[in-house]
Amino acid sequence: MSKLHVKKGDEVMIISGKDKGKKGKVLEISPSEGKVIVEGRNMVTKHVKPRRQGQLGGIVKAEGAIYACKVMPVCPKCDKPTRVGHKIDGDKKVRVCKKCGAAL
């Protein structure tokens, strides 16, 4: 299992692709694939069949997975995309912004 530099609930900015420069919240992460799903970004169309009687099928828009290397966490203090650093705070290891030093 590989670790990712982003966690579920992080605010991230997409740094490449069709949604470059846009921000969103991480909904899901998949460390085994190295991918994340960002809220409202990388929208794809899915063709859905009705599964139960009375349920409608059709074309549905949903968020697609993005490689984690294509997103950067956004610092809540300086509001800029940043790399993640680590700092020991007492007995806990804390993620910090490399630009301003604020805790992520």
Protein backbone atom coordinates (compact mmCIF):
# COMPACT_ATOMS: atom_id res chain seq x y z
CA MET A 1 0.00 0.00 0.00
CA SER A 2 1.29 3.44 -0.90
CA LYS A 3 0.49 6.62 1.01
CA LEU A 4 -0.94 9.74 -0.55
CA HIS A 5 -0.13 13.37 0.31
CA VAL A 6 -3.84 14.26 0.46
CA LYS A 7 -6.56 13.04 2.81
CA LYS A 8 -10.33 12.80 2.62
CA GLY A 9 -11.85 16.23 3.32
CA ASP A 10 -8.79 18.25 2.16
CA GLU A 11 -9.28 21.32 -0.03
CA VAL A 12 -7.18 20.77 -3.16
CA MET A 13 -6.32 22.56 -6.41
CA ILE A 14 -5.99 20.65 -9.67
CA ILE A 15 -2.63 21.43 -11.28
CA SER A 16 -3.06 19.77 -14.70
CA GLY A 17 -5.73 18.55 -17.07
CA LYS A 18 -9.06 20.00 -18.20
CA ASP A 19 -9.91 21.34 -14.71
CA LYS A 20 -6.50 22.99 -14.15
CA GLY A 21 -6.62 25.81 -11.58
CA LYS A 22 -9.95 24.78 -10.06
CA LYS A 23 -10.42 23.97 -6.38
CA GLY A 24 -12.52 21.29 -4.73
CA LYS A 25 -12.90 19.05 -1.69
CA VAL A 26 -11.57 15.46 -1.69
CA LEU A 27 -14.50 13.04 -1.39
CA GLU A 28 -12.64 9.73 -1.65
CA ILE A 29 -9.09 8.46 -1.91
CA SER A 30 -7.77 5.21 -3.34
CA PRO A 31 -4.18 4.65 -2.17
CA SER A 32 -3.82 1.36 -4.06
CA GLU A 33 -4.58 3.10 -7.40
CA GLY A 34 -3.02 6.44 -6.40
CA LYS A 35 -6.23 8.29 -7.29
CA VAL A 36 -8.62 10.75 -5.63
CA ILE A 37 -12.18 11.91 -6.35
CA VAL A 38 -12.69 15.68 -6.07
CA GLU A 39 -16.14 17.18 -5.50
CA GLY A 40 -17.58 18.72 -8.69
CA ARG A 41 -14.40 18.18 -10.76
CA ASN A 42 -13.53 15.80 -13.65
CA MET A 43 -17.21 15.19 -14.40
CA VAL A 44 -17.87 12.13 -16.57
CA THR A 45 -21.10 10.75 -18.02
CA LYS A 46 -22.28 7.28 -17.01
CA HIS A 47 -24.95 5.28 -18.76
CA VAL A 48 -27.10 3.75 -16.00
CA LYS A 49 -29.57 0.89 -16.42
CA PRO A 50 -32.66 0.78 -14.21
CA ARG A 51 -32.00 -1.82 -11.50
CA ARG A 52 -35.48 -2.09 -9.93
CA GLN A 53 -38.96 -1.85 -11.34
CA GLY A 54 -40.03 1.79 -11.43
CA GLN A 55 -36.45 3.10 -11.26
CA LEU A 56 -35.31 5.31 -14.14
CA GLY A 57 -32.19 4.71 -16.19
CA GLY A 58 -30.39 7.21 -18.38
CA ILE A 59 -27.26 9.30 -18.59
CA VAL A 60 -25.90 10.50 -15.24
CA LYS A 61 -23.04 12.92 -14.55
CA ALA A 62 -20.61 11.83 -11.82
CA GLU A 63 -17.12 12.74 -10.57
CA GLY A 64 -14.31 10.70 -12.09
CA ALA A 65 -11.07 9.71 -10.36
CA ILE A 66 -7.94 11.85 -10.84
CA TYR A 67 -4.36 10.79 -10.19
CA ALA A 68 -3.23 12.17 -6.82
CA CYS A 69 -0.05 13.60 -8.37
CA LYS A 70 -2.26 16.03 -10.33
CA VAL A 71 -3.69 17.73 -7.21
CA MET A 72 -2.08 19.90 -4.52
CA PRO A 73 -3.50 20.69 -1.07
CA VAL A 74 -4.53 24.32 -0.53
CA CYS A 75 -3.30 25.98 2.68
CA PRO A 76 -6.22 27.41 4.71
CA LYS A 77 -4.07 30.31 5.96
CA CYS A 78 -2.32 31.60 2.80
CA ASP A 79 -4.96 30.14 0.37
CA LYS A 80 -2.28 28.88 -2.05
CA PRO A 81 -1.53 25.38 -3.35
CA THR A 82 1.39 23.98 -1.40
CA ARG A 83 3.52 20.92 -0.79
CA VAL A 84 3.03 19.05 2.47
CA GLY A 85 5.68 19.10 5.19
CA HIS A 86 5.65 17.31 8.53
CA LYS A 87 6.42 18.65 11.99
CA ILE A 88 6.46 16.95 15.39
CA ASP A 89 4.10 18.82 17.75
CA GLY A 90 4.44 17.30 21.20
CA ASP A 91 3.79 13.61 20.62
CA LYS A 92 1.85 14.06 17.35
CA LYS A 93 3.09 14.33 13.76
CA VAL A 94 1.32 17.26 12.06
CA ARG A 95 1.05 18.11 8.34
CA VAL A 96 2.19 21.69 7.65
CA CYS A 97 2.25 24.12 4.71
CA LYS A 98 5.72 24.43 3.15
CA LYS A 99 5.06 28.10 2.25
CA CYS A 100 3.81 29.61 5.52
CA GLY A 101 4.20 26.82 8.10
CA ALA A 102 0.50 26.69 9.07
CA ALA A 103 -1.04 23.33 10.02
CA LEU A 104 -3.08 21.63 7.32
